[in-house]
Amino acid sequence: MLVLTRKVGESIQIGDDIQLKVVSVDGDQIKVGIEAPKSVDIYRSEIYEQIKLENEAAIQMTKNTLNLLKNTKKD
């Protein structure tokens, strides 16, 4: 992991298209602005993990449904 120190107003460039800017610091909270193309999905980590879990559950339900349909055709 790369760890950088930035002050309010300073930024970090990721590739050609993504820029992270420190907007403000208030105690133990930091506000970060993100400039990125609209094609780049940006989520808080906890939301991203929830999306992954829900997608995995949906895939499992789809597999189960397909298996039920296969078994129904055999009968």
C-alpha atoms as a PDB file:
ATOM      1  CA  MET A   1       0.000   0.000   0.000  1.00  0.00           C
ATOM      2  CA  LEU A   2       1.241   3.424  -0.924  1.00  0.00           C
ATOM      3  CA  VAL A   3       0.722   5.975   1.870  1.00  0.00           C
ATOM      4  CA  LEU A   4       0.922   9.665   0.982  1.00  0.00           C
ATOM      5  CA  THR A   5       0.546  12.808   3.061  1.00  0.00           C
ATOM      6  CA  ARG A   6      -1.606  15.553   1.553  1.00  0.00           C
ATOM      7  CA  LYS A   7      -2.901  18.879   2.839  1.00  0.00           C
ATOM      8  CA  VAL A   8      -6.321  20.376   2.206  1.00  0.00           C
ATOM      9  CA  GLY A   9      -6.506  21.404  -1.453  1.00  0.00           C
ATOM     10  CA  GLU A  10      -3.769  19.009  -2.544  1.00  0.00           C
ATOM     11  CA  SER A  11      -4.540  16.002  -4.700  1.00  0.00           C
ATOM     12  CA  ILE A  12      -3.370  12.600  -5.862  1.00  0.00           C
ATOM     13  CA  GLN A  13      -3.471  11.603  -9.523  1.00  0.00           C
ATOM     14  CA  ILE A  14      -4.286   7.985 -10.453  1.00  0.00           C
ATOM     15  CA  GLY A  15      -3.509   7.334 -14.093  1.00  0.00           C
ATOM     16  CA  ASP A  16      -4.671   9.942 -16.597  1.00  0.00           C
ATOM     17  CA  ASP A  17      -8.317  10.007 -15.590  1.00  0.00           C
ATOM     18  CA  ILE A  18      -8.727   9.869 -11.813  1.00  0.00           C
ATOM     19  CA  GLN A  19      -7.874  12.558  -9.295  1.00  0.00           C
ATOM     20  CA  LEU A  20      -8.431  12.422  -5.523  1.00  0.00           C
ATOM     21  CA  LYS A  21      -8.468  15.774  -3.761  1.00  0.00           C
ATOM     22  CA  VAL A  22      -8.454  16.436  -0.019  1.00  0.00           C
ATOM     23  CA  VAL A  23     -11.397  18.802   0.428  1.00  0.00           C
ATOM     24  CA  SER A  24     -11.374  19.217   4.205  1.00  0.00           C
ATOM     25  CA  VAL A  25     -10.198  17.719   7.477  1.00  0.00           C
ATOM     26  CA  ASP A  26     -12.303  17.927  10.623  1.00  0.00           C
ATOM     27  CA  GLY A  27     -10.936  15.960  13.576  1.00  0.00           C
ATOM     28  CA  ASP A  28     -10.734  12.323  12.528  1.00  0.00           C
ATOM     29  CA  GLN A  29     -12.852  12.826   9.383  1.00  0.00           C
ATOM     30  CA  ILE A  30     -11.464  13.638   5.968  1.00  0.00           C
ATOM     31  CA  LYS A  31     -13.574  14.725   3.001  1.00  0.00           C
ATOM     32  CA  VAL A  32     -12.181  13.525  -0.305  1.00  0.00           C
ATOM     33  CA  GLY A  33     -13.336  14.696  -3.722  1.00  0.00           C
ATOM     34  CA  ILE A  34     -13.012  12.256  -6.610  1.00  0.00           C
ATOM     35  CA  GLU A  35     -12.853  13.287 -10.245  1.00  0.00           C
ATOM     36  CA  ALA A  36     -13.209  10.326 -12.586  1.00  0.00           C
ATOM     37  CA  PRO A  37     -14.892   9.457 -15.866  1.00  0.00           C
ATOM     38  CA  LYS A  38     -18.590   8.566 -15.588  1.00  0.00           C
ATOM     39  CA  SER A  39     -17.705   5.067 -16.773  1.00  0.00           C
ATOM     40  CA  VAL A  40     -15.792   4.453 -13.512  1.00  0.00           C
ATOM     41  CA  ASP A  41     -17.970   3.136 -10.684  1.00  0.00           C
ATOM     42  CA  ILE A  42     -17.061   4.619  -7.294  1.00  0.00           C
ATOM     43  CA  TYR A  43     -18.396   3.141  -4.045  1.00  0.00           C
ATOM     44  CA  ARG A  44     -17.564   3.292  -0.351  1.00  0.00           C
ATOM     45  CA  SER A  45     -15.880  -0.018   0.557  1.00  0.00           C
ATOM     46  CA  GLU A  46     -18.732  -1.248   2.758  1.00  0.00           C
ATOM     47  CA  ILE A  47     -21.267  -0.610  -0.030  1.00  0.00           C
ATOM     48  CA  TYR A  48     -19.044  -2.332  -2.597  1.00  0.00           C
ATOM     49  CA  GLU A  49     -18.755  -5.419  -0.369  1.00  0.00           C
ATOM     50  CA  GLN A  50     -22.562  -5.524   0.030  1.00  0.00           C
ATOM     51  CA  ILE A  51     -23.018  -5.307  -3.752  1.00  0.00           C
ATOM     52  CA  LYS A  52     -20.586  -8.202  -4.221  1.00  0.00           C
ATOM     53  CA  LEU A  53     -22.450 -10.339  -1.665  1.00  0.00           C
ATOM     54  CA  GLU A  54     -25.808  -9.607  -3.279  1.00  0.00           C
ATOM     55  CA  ASN A  55     -24.437 -10.420  -6.740  1.00  0.00           C
ATOM     56  CA  GLU A  56     -23.029 -13.726  -5.474  1.00  0.00           C
ATOM     57  CA  ALA A  57     -26.401 -14.572  -3.888  1.00  0.00           C
ATOM     58  CA  ALA A  58     -28.195 -13.730  -7.148  1.00  0.00           C
ATOM     59  CA  ILE A  59     -25.839 -15.988  -9.100  1.00  0.00           C
ATOM     60  CA  GLN A  60     -26.470 -18.826  -6.658  1.00  0.00           C
ATOM     61  CA  MET A  61     -30.249 -18.360  -6.935  1.00  0.00           C
ATOM     62  CA  THR A  62     -29.964 -18.406 -10.736  1.00  0.00           C
ATOM     63  CA  LYS A  63     -27.946 -21.642 -10.605  1.00  0.00           C
ATOM     64  CA  ASN A  64     -30.520 -23.184  -8.269  1.00  0.00           C
ATOM     65  CA  THR A  65     -33.372 -22.123 -10.562  1.00  0.00           C
ATOM     66  CA  LEU A  66     -31.619 -23.590 -13.608  1.00  0.00           C
ATOM     67  CA  ASN A  67     -31.053 -26.866 -11.744  1.00  0.00           C
ATOM     68  CA  LEU A  68     -34.742 -27.010 -10.795  1.00  0.00           C
ATOM     69  CA  LEU A  69     -35.740 -26.404 -14.407  1.00  0.00           C
ATOM     70  CA  LYS A  70     -33.403 -29.175 -15.612  1.00  0.00           C
ATOM     71  CA  ASN A  71     -34.863 -31.590 -13.073  1.00  0.00           C
ATOM     72  CA  THR A  72     -38.425 -30.628 -14.056  1.00  0.00           C
ATOM     73  CA  LYS A  73     -37.731 -31.383 -17.737  1.00  0.00           C
ATOM     74  CA  LYS A  74     -36.523 -34.888 -16.838  1.00  0.00           C
ATOM     75  CA  ASP A  75     -39.842 -35.734 -15.106  1.00  0.00           C
END
